[in-house]
Amino acid sequence: MKNRVNIIKQLHKLGANIFNPESIKEIIVKQGWDEGTKHLACIVYECFLNGGKKTGSFLQGLKDTGTDPGELLAIAWTDINFQAKTLTIKHLVKDHNPRIVPISDTFIARIQKQVAKCF
C-alpha cells in the first residue's frame, strides 16, 4: 500500500490532477519511465479510482448514521431497508445499543451502485 500511495503522490507532485484521468495520462506519457513503470502507474491509478468509490460510500455512511466504523463495517444487506431509508445497527461495539438510524438518498444511491457491480 505504501508504494501505491507513493505513486499517487508522485503523480500529484509532477502536476497531475488526480481526479482527471486525462491529466494522469499526460503526466505518465511525459515521464522517461520504462513501460513496466508506466503500466504499474496505470494499475495504481485504476485502484485509486475504484477504491475511492468504496471509501466514499463508507464515509457517507459514517456521516449519515453517526455509527462507529466497526458497526458500519459489520452491516449486512438485510440490515438496510431501502423503502424506509433506514439502517439497522445490530453488530455493536463499545457497549452501544442496537438501533435503527435514517440514511440519506445519497448513501442509498452509493449502496445500490455497489450492489449493481456485484451482479
N, C-alpha and C. Protein backbone atom coordinates (compact mmCIF):
# COMPACT_ATOMS: atom_id res chain seq x y z
N MET A 1 0.82 -1.20 0.00
CA MET A 1 0.00 0.00 0.00
C MET A 1 0.86 1.26 0.00
N LYS A 2 1.98 1.23 0.72
CA LYS A 2 2.84 2.41 0.75
C LYS A 2 3.31 2.77 -0.65
N ASN A 3 3.67 1.74 -1.43
CA ASN A 3 4.14 2.01 -2.79
C ASN A 3 3.03 2.64 -3.63
N ARG A 4 1.82 2.16 -3.47
CA ARG A 4 0.70 2.73 -4.22
C ARG A 4 0.48 4.19 -3.85
N VAL A 5 0.50 4.46 -2.57
CA VAL A 5 0.32 5.84 -2.10
C VAL A 5 1.44 6.72 -2.64
N ASN A 6 2.66 6.20 -2.61
CA ASN A 6 3.81 6.97 -3.11
C ASN A 6 3.67 7.27 -4.60
N ILE A 7 3.16 6.33 -5.37
CA ILE A 7 2.97 6.57 -6.81
C ILE A 7 1.94 7.66 -7.03
N ILE A 8 0.83 7.61 -6.30
CA ILE A 8 -0.20 8.65 -6.43
C ILE A 8 0.39 10.00 -6.02
N LYS A 9 1.14 10.04 -4.94
CA LYS A 9 1.77 11.29 -4.51
C LYS A 9 2.74 11.81 -5.57
N GLN A 10 3.50 10.90 -6.16
CA GLN A 10 4.47 11.28 -7.19
C GLN A 10 3.75 11.89 -8.40
N LEU A 11 2.66 11.27 -8.82
CA LEU A 11 1.89 11.81 -9.94
C LEU A 11 1.38 13.21 -9.62
N HIS A 12 0.93 13.39 -8.39
CA HIS A 12 0.44 14.71 -7.96
C HIS A 12 1.58 15.74 -7.96
N LYS A 13 2.74 15.35 -7.44
CA LYS A 13 3.90 16.24 -7.41
C LYS A 13 4.33 16.65 -8.82
N LEU A 14 4.15 15.73 -9.76
CA LEU A 14 4.53 16.02 -11.15
C LEU A 14 3.52 16.93 -11.85
N GLY A 15 2.44 17.28 -11.14
CA GLY A 15 1.49 18.23 -11.68
C GLY A 15 0.18 17.64 -12.16
N ALA A 16 -0.02 16.35 -11.95
CA ALA A 16 -1.26 15.72 -12.39
C ALA A 16 -2.41 16.06 -11.46
N ASN A 17 -3.58 16.25 -12.05
CA ASN A 17 -4.80 16.39 -11.27
C ASN A 17 -5.31 14.97 -11.07
N ILE A 18 -5.23 14.45 -9.85
CA ILE A 18 -5.54 13.03 -9.63
C ILE A 18 -7.00 12.69 -9.85
N PHE A 19 -7.84 13.69 -9.99
CA PHE A 19 -9.25 13.44 -10.26
C PHE A 19 -9.59 13.59 -11.74
N ASN A 20 -8.56 13.76 -12.57
CA ASN A 20 -8.75 13.90 -14.00
C ASN A 20 -7.89 12.86 -14.72
N PRO A 21 -8.49 11.79 -15.24
CA PRO A 21 -7.72 10.74 -15.90
C PRO A 21 -6.87 11.24 -17.07
N GLU A 22 -7.35 12.24 -17.80
CA GLU A 22 -6.57 12.78 -18.93
C GLU A 22 -5.28 13.43 -18.43
N SER A 23 -5.36 14.11 -17.31
CA SER A 23 -4.18 14.73 -16.71
C SER A 23 -3.17 13.66 -16.30
N ILE A 24 -3.66 12.58 -15.74
CA ILE A 24 -2.78 11.47 -15.34
C ILE A 24 -2.08 10.89 -16.57
N LYS A 25 -2.85 10.66 -17.64
CA LYS A 25 -2.26 10.11 -18.87
C LYS A 25 -1.15 11.01 -19.40
N GLU A 26 -1.39 12.31 -19.43
CA GLU A 26 -0.39 13.26 -19.92
C GLU A 26 0.90 13.18 -19.12
N ILE A 27 0.76 13.13 -17.81
CA ILE A 27 1.95 13.09 -16.94
C ILE A 27 2.72 11.79 -17.14
N ILE A 28 2.00 10.67 -17.20
CA ILE A 28 2.67 9.37 -17.37
C ILE A 28 3.42 9.32 -18.70
N VAL A 29 2.81 9.82 -19.76
CA VAL A 29 3.44 9.79 -21.09
C VAL A 29 4.70 10.65 -21.11
N LYS A 30 4.68 11.79 -20.42
CA LYS A 30 5.82 12.72 -20.44
C LYS A 30 7.04 12.22 -19.67
N GLN A 31 6.82 11.25 -18.78
CA GLN A 31 7.93 10.76 -17.95
C GLN A 31 8.84 9.84 -18.76
N GLY A 32 10.07 9.78 -18.37
CA GLY A 32 11.03 8.90 -19.03
C GLY A 32 11.04 7.50 -18.44
N TRP A 33 9.88 7.08 -17.93
CA TRP A 33 9.78 5.78 -17.28
C TRP A 33 9.76 4.67 -18.32
N ASP A 34 10.23 3.48 -17.91
CA ASP A 34 10.11 2.33 -18.81
C ASP A 34 8.66 1.87 -18.85
N GLU A 35 8.34 0.99 -19.78
CA GLU A 35 6.95 0.56 -19.98
C GLU A 35 6.37 -0.11 -18.73
N GLY A 36 7.19 -0.87 -18.01
CA GLY A 36 6.72 -1.55 -16.80
C GLY A 36 6.28 -0.57 -15.73
N THR A 37 7.05 0.51 -15.56
CA THR A 37 6.72 1.53 -14.57
C THR A 37 5.45 2.28 -14.98
N LYS A 38 5.33 2.57 -16.26
CA LYS A 38 4.11 3.25 -16.75
C LYS A 38 2.88 2.37 -16.52
N HIS A 39 3.05 1.08 -16.80
CA HIS A 39 1.95 0.13 -16.61
C HIS A 39 1.55 0.07 -15.13
N LEU A 40 2.55 0.02 -14.25
CA LEU A 40 2.29 -0.01 -12.82
C LEU A 40 1.55 1.25 -12.37
N ALA A 41 1.97 2.40 -12.88
CA ALA A 41 1.31 3.66 -12.51
C ALA A 41 -0.16 3.63 -12.95
N CYS A 42 -0.43 3.07 -14.11
CA CYS A 42 -1.82 2.97 -14.60
C CYS A 42 -2.65 2.05 -13.70
N ILE A 43 -2.08 0.93 -13.29
CA ILE A 43 -2.78 0.00 -12.40
C ILE A 43 -3.08 0.65 -11.06
N VAL A 44 -2.09 1.34 -10.51
CA VAL A 44 -2.26 2.01 -9.22
C VAL A 44 -3.34 3.08 -9.32
N TYR A 45 -3.34 3.83 -10.41
CA TYR A 45 -4.35 4.87 -10.59
C TYR A 45 -5.75 4.26 -10.71
N GLU A 46 -5.86 3.15 -11.42
CA GLU A 46 -7.15 2.47 -11.55
C GLU A 46 -7.64 2.01 -10.18
N CYS A 47 -6.75 1.47 -9.36
CA CYS A 47 -7.11 1.06 -8.00
C CYS A 47 -7.55 2.26 -7.17
N PHE A 48 -6.86 3.38 -7.35
CA PHE A 48 -7.22 4.61 -6.64
C PHE A 48 -8.65 5.03 -6.99
N LEU A 49 -8.99 4.99 -8.28
CA LEU A 49 -10.32 5.39 -8.70
C LEU A 49 -11.39 4.45 -8.15
N ASN A 50 -11.14 3.15 -8.23
CA ASN A 50 -12.12 2.18 -7.74
C ASN A 50 -12.25 2.22 -6.22
N GLY A 51 -11.11 2.30 -5.52
CA GLY A 51 -11.14 2.34 -4.06
C GLY A 51 -11.79 3.59 -3.53
N GLY A 52 -11.66 4.68 -4.25
CA GLY A 52 -12.26 5.93 -3.83
C GLY A 52 -13.77 5.84 -3.73
N LYS A 53 -14.38 5.08 -4.62
CA LYS A 53 -15.84 4.95 -4.60
C LYS A 53 -16.29 4.18 -3.36
N LYS A 54 -15.57 3.13 -3.03
CA LYS A 54 -15.92 2.36 -1.83
C LYS A 54 -15.69 3.19 -0.57
N THR A 55 -14.57 3.88 -0.54
CA THR A 55 -14.26 4.71 0.61
C THR A 55 -15.27 5.82 0.75
N GLY A 56 -15.65 6.42 -0.38
CA GLY A 56 -16.66 7.48 -0.36
C GLY A 56 -17.99 6.99 0.20
N SER A 57 -18.37 5.77 -0.20
CA SER A 57 -19.62 5.19 0.31
C SER A 57 -19.53 4.98 1.82
N PHE A 58 -18.39 4.46 2.26
CA PHE A 58 -18.19 4.21 3.68
C PHE A 58 -18.25 5.52 4.47
N LEU A 59 -17.56 6.56 3.98
CA LEU A 59 -17.56 7.84 4.67
C LEU A 59 -18.95 8.48 4.69
N GLN A 60 -19.69 8.32 3.59
CA GLN A 60 -21.06 8.83 3.54
C GLN A 60 -21.91 8.13 4.60
N GLY A 61 -21.72 6.81 4.74
CA GLY A 61 -22.45 6.04 5.75
C GLY A 61 -22.12 6.50 7.16
N LEU A 62 -20.85 6.76 7.42
CA LEU A 62 -20.46 7.26 8.74
C LEU A 62 -21.11 8.61 9.02
N LYS A 63 -21.11 9.47 8.01
CA LYS A 63 -21.70 10.80 8.16
C LYS A 63 -23.20 10.70 8.42
N ASP A 64 -23.88 9.87 7.65
CA ASP A 64 -25.34 9.75 7.77
C ASP A 64 -25.77 9.15 9.10
N THR A 65 -25.06 8.13 9.53
CA THR A 65 -25.54 7.33 10.65
C THR A 65 -24.93 7.68 12.00
N GLY A 66 -23.74 8.25 11.99
CA GLY A 66 -23.06 8.53 13.24
C GLY A 66 -22.61 7.27 13.97
N THR A 67 -22.54 6.15 13.24
CA THR A 67 -22.14 4.90 13.87
C THR A 67 -20.63 4.82 14.01
N ASP A 68 -20.21 3.90 14.81
CA ASP A 68 -18.80 3.58 14.93
C ASP A 68 -18.38 2.88 13.63
N PRO A 69 -17.16 3.11 13.13
CA PRO A 69 -16.73 2.44 11.90
C PRO A 69 -16.87 0.92 11.95
N GLY A 70 -16.60 0.33 13.10
CA GLY A 70 -16.74 -1.12 13.25
C GLY A 70 -18.17 -1.59 13.07
N GLU A 71 -19.11 -0.79 13.54
CA GLU A 71 -20.53 -1.14 13.38
C GLU A 71 -20.93 -1.06 11.91
N LEU A 72 -20.46 -0.04 11.22
CA LEU A 72 -20.83 0.12 9.81
C LEU A 72 -20.20 -0.97 8.95
N LEU A 73 -18.97 -1.34 9.27
CA LEU A 73 -18.30 -2.42 8.51
C LEU A 73 -19.01 -3.75 8.66
N ALA A 74 -19.72 -3.92 9.76
CA ALA A 74 -20.36 -5.22 10.05
C ALA A 74 -21.78 -5.33 9.49
N ILE A 75 -22.30 -4.29 8.84
CA ILE A 75 -23.68 -4.39 8.36
C ILE A 75 -23.79 -5.39 7.21
N ALA A 76 -24.97 -5.97 7.11
CA ALA A 76 -25.29 -6.90 6.03
C ALA A 76 -26.38 -6.26 5.18
N TRP A 77 -26.57 -6.81 3.97
CA TRP A 77 -27.60 -6.25 3.08
C TRP A 77 -28.98 -6.30 3.73
N THR A 78 -29.20 -7.29 4.57
CA THR A 78 -30.50 -7.42 5.23
C THR A 78 -30.73 -6.35 6.30
N ASP A 79 -29.69 -5.63 6.68
CA ASP A 79 -29.81 -4.55 7.67
C ASP A 79 -30.28 -3.24 7.04
N ILE A 80 -30.33 -3.20 5.71
CA ILE A 80 -30.70 -1.98 5.01
C ILE A 80 -32.16 -2.08 4.54
N ASN A 81 -32.95 -1.11 4.92
CA ASN A 81 -34.33 -1.03 4.43
C ASN A 81 -34.39 0.14 3.45
N PHE A 82 -34.33 -0.20 2.16
CA PHE A 82 -34.29 0.82 1.13
C PHE A 82 -35.59 1.63 1.06
N GLN A 83 -36.72 0.99 1.30
CA GLN A 83 -38.01 1.69 1.22
C GLN A 83 -38.15 2.71 2.37
N ALA A 84 -37.82 2.28 3.57
CA ALA A 84 -37.96 3.16 4.73
C ALA A 84 -36.75 4.09 4.90
N LYS A 85 -35.70 3.85 4.11
CA LYS A 85 -34.46 4.63 4.18
C LYS A 85 -33.86 4.58 5.58
N THR A 86 -33.72 3.34 6.09
CA THR A 86 -33.15 3.15 7.42
C THR A 86 -32.10 2.04 7.39
N LEU A 87 -31.26 2.07 8.40
CA LEU A 87 -30.23 1.06 8.58
C LEU A 87 -30.33 0.53 10.00
N THR A 88 -30.39 -0.78 10.16
CA THR A 88 -30.46 -1.40 11.48
C THR A 88 -29.04 -1.74 11.92
N ILE A 89 -28.65 -1.21 13.05
CA ILE A 89 -27.33 -1.47 13.62
C ILE A 89 -27.50 -2.57 14.66
N LYS A 90 -26.96 -3.77 14.33
CA LYS A 90 -27.10 -4.93 15.23
C LYS A 90 -25.76 -5.43 15.76
N HIS A 91 -24.71 -5.17 15.02
CA HIS A 91 -23.37 -5.66 15.38
C HIS A 91 -22.66 -4.54 16.13
N LEU A 92 -22.75 -4.58 17.43
CA LEU A 92 -22.38 -3.45 18.27
C LEU A 92 -20.93 -3.49 18.73
N VAL A 93 -20.41 -2.29 18.98
CA VAL A 93 -19.08 -2.14 19.58
C VAL A 93 -19.19 -1.14 20.72
N LYS A 94 -18.23 -1.18 21.62
CA LYS A 94 -18.11 -0.20 22.71
C LYS A 94 -19.39 -0.03 23.53
N ASP A 95 -20.05 -1.12 23.83
CA ASP A 95 -21.26 -1.09 24.66
C ASP A 95 -22.39 -0.21 24.08
N HIS A 96 -22.42 -0.07 22.77
CA HIS A 96 -23.53 0.67 22.15
C HIS A 96 -24.79 -0.17 22.15
N ASN A 97 -25.91 0.47 21.96
CA ASN A 97 -27.20 -0.22 21.91
C ASN A 97 -27.62 -0.46 20.47
N PRO A 98 -28.39 -1.54 20.23
CA PRO A 98 -28.93 -1.73 18.87
C PRO A 98 -29.87 -0.58 18.55
N ARG A 99 -29.91 -0.21 17.27
CA ARG A 99 -30.75 0.92 16.90
C ARG A 99 -31.04 0.92 15.40
N ILE A 100 -32.03 1.69 15.03
CA ILE A 100 -32.37 1.90 13.63
C ILE A 100 -32.14 3.38 13.34
N VAL A 101 -31.32 3.66 12.32
CA VAL A 101 -30.98 5.04 12.00
C VAL A 101 -31.40 5.38 10.57
N PRO A 102 -31.79 6.62 10.34
CA PRO A 102 -32.15 7.03 8.98
C PRO A 102 -30.89 7.16 8.11
N ILE A 103 -31.06 6.93 6.82
CA ILE A 103 -29.96 7.11 5.87
C ILE A 103 -30.44 8.00 4.72
N SER A 104 -29.50 8.71 4.11
CA SER A 104 -29.85 9.67 3.06
C SER A 104 -30.02 8.99 1.70
N ASP A 105 -30.64 9.72 0.80
CA ASP A 105 -30.77 9.24 -0.58
C ASP A 105 -29.40 9.06 -1.22
N THR A 106 -28.46 9.92 -0.87
CA THR A 106 -27.10 9.83 -1.41
C THR A 106 -26.45 8.51 -1.02
N PHE A 107 -26.57 8.14 0.26
CA PHE A 107 -25.99 6.89 0.73
C PHE A 107 -26.68 5.70 0.07
N ILE A 108 -27.98 5.77 -0.06
CA ILE A 108 -28.73 4.69 -0.72
C ILE A 108 -28.26 4.52 -2.16
N ALA A 109 -28.08 5.63 -2.87
CA ALA A 109 -27.62 5.56 -4.27
C ALA A 109 -26.23 4.93 -4.35
N ARG A 110 -25.35 5.29 -3.42
CA ARG A 110 -24.00 4.72 -3.42
C ARG A 110 -24.04 3.21 -3.15
N ILE A 111 -24.87 2.81 -2.21
CA ILE A 111 -25.00 1.38 -1.89
C ILE A 111 -25.54 0.62 -3.09
N GLN A 112 -26.55 1.18 -3.74
CA GLN A 112 -27.15 0.49 -4.88
C GLN A 112 -26.16 0.35 -6.03
N LYS A 113 -25.26 1.32 -6.21
CA LYS A 113 -24.22 1.21 -7.23
C LYS A 113 -23.27 0.06 -6.89
N GLN A 114 -22.96 -0.10 -5.62
CA GLN A 114 -22.08 -1.20 -5.19
C GLN A 114 -22.76 -2.55 -5.44
N VAL A 115 -24.05 -2.61 -5.17
CA VAL A 115 -24.82 -3.85 -5.41
C VAL A 115 -24.81 -4.18 -6.90
N ALA A 116 -25.01 -3.16 -7.73
CA ALA A 116 -25.07 -3.39 -9.18
C ALA A 116 -23.75 -3.95 -9.69
N LYS A 117 -22.64 -3.54 -9.11
CA LYS A 117 -21.33 -4.05 -9.53
C LYS A 117 -21.14 -5.51 -9.14
N CYS A 118 -21.82 -5.95 -8.11
CA CYS A 118 -21.69 -7.33 -7.64
C CYS A 118 -22.42 -8.31 -8.53
N PHE A 119 -23.41 -7.83 -9.27
CA PHE A 119 -24.23 -8.74 -10.07
C PHE A 119 -24.10 -8.51 -11.53
